């Protein structure tokens, strides 16, 4: 798995905001009108946590979990396997391990 691209990060943040606005609902003003919550209000409600940081934390947790596995585990064998084929032309793709290190 590679680093999350900027476009995917943007899409995830937009989806997260839409979901939070649905979950927390609109705010009723003192004059009786309704308005949707601002990003500042949503940040205050969720404690400045976001989905991008959660994904990074889960990847790091999985990385530690795989490294603690016994050497005969199938997951660890697949993780440590390197293909014998040559890569295609162009910039080399980052491996999952390089992504976690970055």
C-alpha atoms as a PDB file:
ATOM      1  CA  UNK A   1       0.000   0.000   0.000  1.00  0.00           C
ATOM      2  CA  UNK A   2       1.310   3.428  -0.868  1.00  0.00           C
ATOM      3  CA  UNK A   3       1.121   6.811   0.769  1.00  0.00           C
ATOM      4  CA  UNK A   4      -2.379   8.231   0.630  1.00  0.00           C
ATOM      5  CA  UNK A   5      -2.504  10.621  -2.322  1.00  0.00           C
ATOM      6  CA  UNK A   6      -3.624  14.220  -1.911  1.00  0.00           C
ATOM      7  CA  UNK A   7      -6.787  13.675  -3.940  1.00  0.00           C
ATOM      8  CA  UNK A   8      -7.818  10.681  -1.834  1.00  0.00           C
ATOM      9  CA  UNK A   9      -7.097  12.634   1.369  1.00  0.00           C
ATOM     10  CA  UNK A  10      -9.352  15.429   0.137  1.00  0.00           C
ATOM     11  CA  UNK A  11     -12.129  12.988  -0.733  1.00  0.00           C
ATOM     12  CA  UNK A  12     -11.854  11.316   2.672  1.00  0.00           C
ATOM     13  CA  UNK A  13     -12.027  14.662   4.499  1.00  0.00           C
ATOM     14  CA  UNK A  14     -15.064  15.747   2.466  1.00  0.00           C
ATOM     15  CA  UNK A  15     -16.835  12.464   3.187  1.00  0.00           C
ATOM     16  CA  UNK A  16     -15.964  12.717   6.885  1.00  0.00           C
ATOM     17  CA  UNK A  17     -17.413  16.249   7.116  1.00  0.00           C
ATOM     18  CA  UNK A  18     -20.604  15.201   5.329  1.00  0.00           C
ATOM     19  CA  UNK A  19     -21.044  12.263   7.681  1.00  0.00           C
ATOM     20  CA  UNK A  20     -20.374  14.398  10.773  1.00  0.00           C
ATOM     21  CA  UNK A  21     -22.876  17.028   9.650  1.00  0.00           C
ATOM     22  CA  UNK A  22     -25.508  14.299   9.298  1.00  0.00           C
ATOM     23  CA  UNK A  23     -24.618  12.705  12.645  1.00  0.00           C
ATOM     24  CA  UNK A  24     -24.571  15.928  14.675  1.00  0.00           C
ATOM     25  CA  UNK A  25     -27.388  17.586  12.732  1.00  0.00           C
ATOM     26  CA  UNK A  26     -28.178  21.263  12.304  1.00  0.00           C
ATOM     27  CA  UNK A  27     -28.032  23.953  15.017  1.00  0.00           C
ATOM     28  CA  UNK A  28     -31.094  25.949  16.018  1.00  0.00           C
ATOM     29  CA  UNK A  29     -30.387  29.656  16.338  1.00  0.00           C
ATOM     30  CA  UNK A  30     -31.986  31.951  18.934  1.00  0.00           C
ATOM     31  CA  UNK A  31     -34.318  33.447  16.290  1.00  0.00           C
ATOM     32  CA  UNK A  32     -35.697  29.986  15.441  1.00  0.00           C
ATOM     33  CA  UNK A  33     -33.791  29.403  12.189  1.00  0.00           C
ATOM     34  CA  UNK A  34     -31.674  26.344  11.514  1.00  0.00           C
ATOM     35  CA  UNK A  35     -28.110  26.263  10.143  1.00  0.00           C
ATOM     36  CA  UNK A  36     -25.541  23.565   9.483  1.00  0.00           C
ATOM     37  CA  UNK A  37     -22.540  23.365  11.783  1.00  0.00           C
ATOM     38  CA  UNK A  38     -19.268  24.955  10.704  1.00  0.00           C
ATOM     39  CA  UNK A  39     -15.975  23.077  10.495  1.00  0.00           C
ATOM     40  CA  UNK A  40     -14.814  24.798  13.697  1.00  0.00           C
ATOM     41  CA  UNK A  41     -17.876  23.512  15.576  1.00  0.00           C
ATOM     42  CA  UNK A  42     -17.383  20.002  14.187  1.00  0.00           C
ATOM     43  CA  UNK A  43     -13.696  20.037  15.212  1.00  0.00           C
ATOM     44  CA  UNK A  44     -14.708  21.028  18.725  1.00  0.00           C
ATOM     45  CA  UNK A  45     -17.261  18.201  18.892  1.00  0.00           C
ATOM     46  CA  UNK A  46     -14.885  15.460  17.696  1.00  0.00           C
ATOM     47  CA  UNK A  47     -11.825  16.759  19.555  1.00  0.00           C
ATOM     48  CA  UNK A  48      -9.747  17.639  16.450  1.00  0.00           C
ATOM     49  CA  UNK A  49      -9.482  13.958  15.414  1.00  0.00           C
ATOM     50  CA  UNK A  50      -9.696  13.127  11.723  1.00  0.00           C
ATOM     51  CA  UNK A  51      -9.901  10.103   9.481  1.00  0.00           C
ATOM     52  CA  UNK A  52      -6.438  10.591   7.910  1.00  0.00           C
ATOM     53  CA  UNK A  53      -4.674  10.343  11.283  1.00  0.00           C
ATOM     54  CA  UNK A  54      -6.796   7.305  12.154  1.00  0.00           C
ATOM     55  CA  UNK A  55      -5.756   5.526   8.937  1.00  0.00           C
ATOM     56  CA  UNK A  56      -2.081   6.297   9.588  1.00  0.00           C
ATOM     57  CA  UNK A  57      -2.351   4.983  13.165  1.00  0.00           C
ATOM     58  CA  UNK A  58      -4.035   1.777  11.987  1.00  0.00           C
ATOM     59  CA  UNK A  59      -1.327   1.185   9.363  1.00  0.00           C
ATOM     60  CA  UNK A  60       1.361   1.656  11.992  1.00  0.00           C
ATOM     61  CA  UNK A  61      -0.443  -0.717  14.366  1.00  0.00           C
ATOM     62  CA  UNK A  62      -0.677  -3.371  11.622  1.00  0.00           C
ATOM     63  CA  UNK A  63       3.024  -2.882  10.831  1.00  0.00           C
ATOM     64  CA  UNK A  64       3.938  -3.612  14.473  1.00  0.00           C
ATOM     65  CA  UNK A  65       1.562  -6.555  14.564  1.00  0.00           C
ATOM     66  CA  UNK A  66       3.160  -8.152  11.484  1.00  0.00           C
ATOM     67  CA  UNK A  67       6.690  -7.666  12.851  1.00  0.00           C
ATOM     68  CA  UNK A  68       5.761  -9.428  16.104  1.00  0.00           C
ATOM     69  CA  UNK A  69       4.348 -12.451  14.252  1.00  0.00           C
ATOM     70  CA  UNK A  70       6.349 -15.691  14.217  1.00  0.00           C
ATOM     71  CA  UNK A  71       8.518 -16.239  11.155  1.00  0.00           C
ATOM     72  CA  UNK A  72       6.460 -19.221   9.966  1.00  0.00           C
ATOM     73  CA  UNK A  73       3.248 -17.146   9.792  1.00  0.00           C
ATOM     74  CA  UNK A  74       1.743 -16.870   6.295  1.00  0.00           C
ATOM     75  CA  UNK A  75       1.204 -13.107   6.649  1.00  0.00           C
ATOM     76  CA  UNK A  76       4.838 -12.553   7.595  1.00  0.00           C
ATOM     77  CA  UNK A  77       6.030 -14.738   4.711  1.00  0.00           C
ATOM     78  CA  UNK A  78       3.957 -12.701   2.246  1.00  0.00           C
ATOM     79  CA  UNK A  79       5.197  -9.460   3.818  1.00  0.00           C
ATOM     80  CA  UNK A  80       8.862 -10.475   3.498  1.00  0.00           C
ATOM     81  CA  UNK A  81       8.488 -12.013   0.019  1.00  0.00           C
ATOM     82  CA  UNK A  82      10.164 -10.182  -2.848  1.00  0.00           C
ATOM     83  CA  UNK A  83       9.229 -10.975  -6.450  1.00  0.00           C
ATOM     84  CA  UNK A  84      11.889 -12.231  -8.866  1.00  0.00           C
ATOM     85  CA  UNK A  85      10.502 -10.143 -11.730  1.00  0.00           C
ATOM     86  CA  UNK A  86      11.871  -6.783 -12.806  1.00  0.00           C
ATOM     87  CA  UNK A  87       9.857  -3.619 -12.292  1.00  0.00           C
ATOM     88  CA  UNK A  88       8.379  -1.610 -15.121  1.00  0.00           C
ATOM     89  CA  UNK A  89       9.956   1.572 -16.444  1.00  0.00           C
ATOM     90  CA  UNK A  90       9.467   4.856 -14.628  1.00  0.00           C
ATOM     91  CA  UNK A  91       9.576   5.915 -11.034  1.00  0.00           C
ATOM     92  CA  UNK A  92       9.526   2.909  -8.701  1.00  0.00           C
ATOM     93  CA  UNK A  93       6.434   2.480  -6.587  1.00  0.00           C
ATOM     94  CA  UNK A  94       6.851   2.811  -2.837  1.00  0.00           C
ATOM     95  CA  UNK A  95       6.425  -0.381  -0.884  1.00  0.00           C
ATOM     96  CA  UNK A  96       4.093  -0.606   2.080  1.00  0.00           C
ATOM     97  CA  UNK A  97       7.058  -0.696   4.465  1.00  0.00           C
ATOM     98  CA  UNK A  98       8.602   2.448   2.941  1.00  0.00           C
ATOM     99  CA  UNK A  99       5.236   4.189   3.358  1.00  0.00           C
ATOM    100  CA  UNK A 100       5.108   3.313   7.059  1.00  0.00           C
ATOM    101  CA  UNK A 101       8.691   4.489   7.581  1.00  0.00           C
ATOM    102  CA  UNK A 102       7.914   7.824   5.903  1.00  0.00           C
END
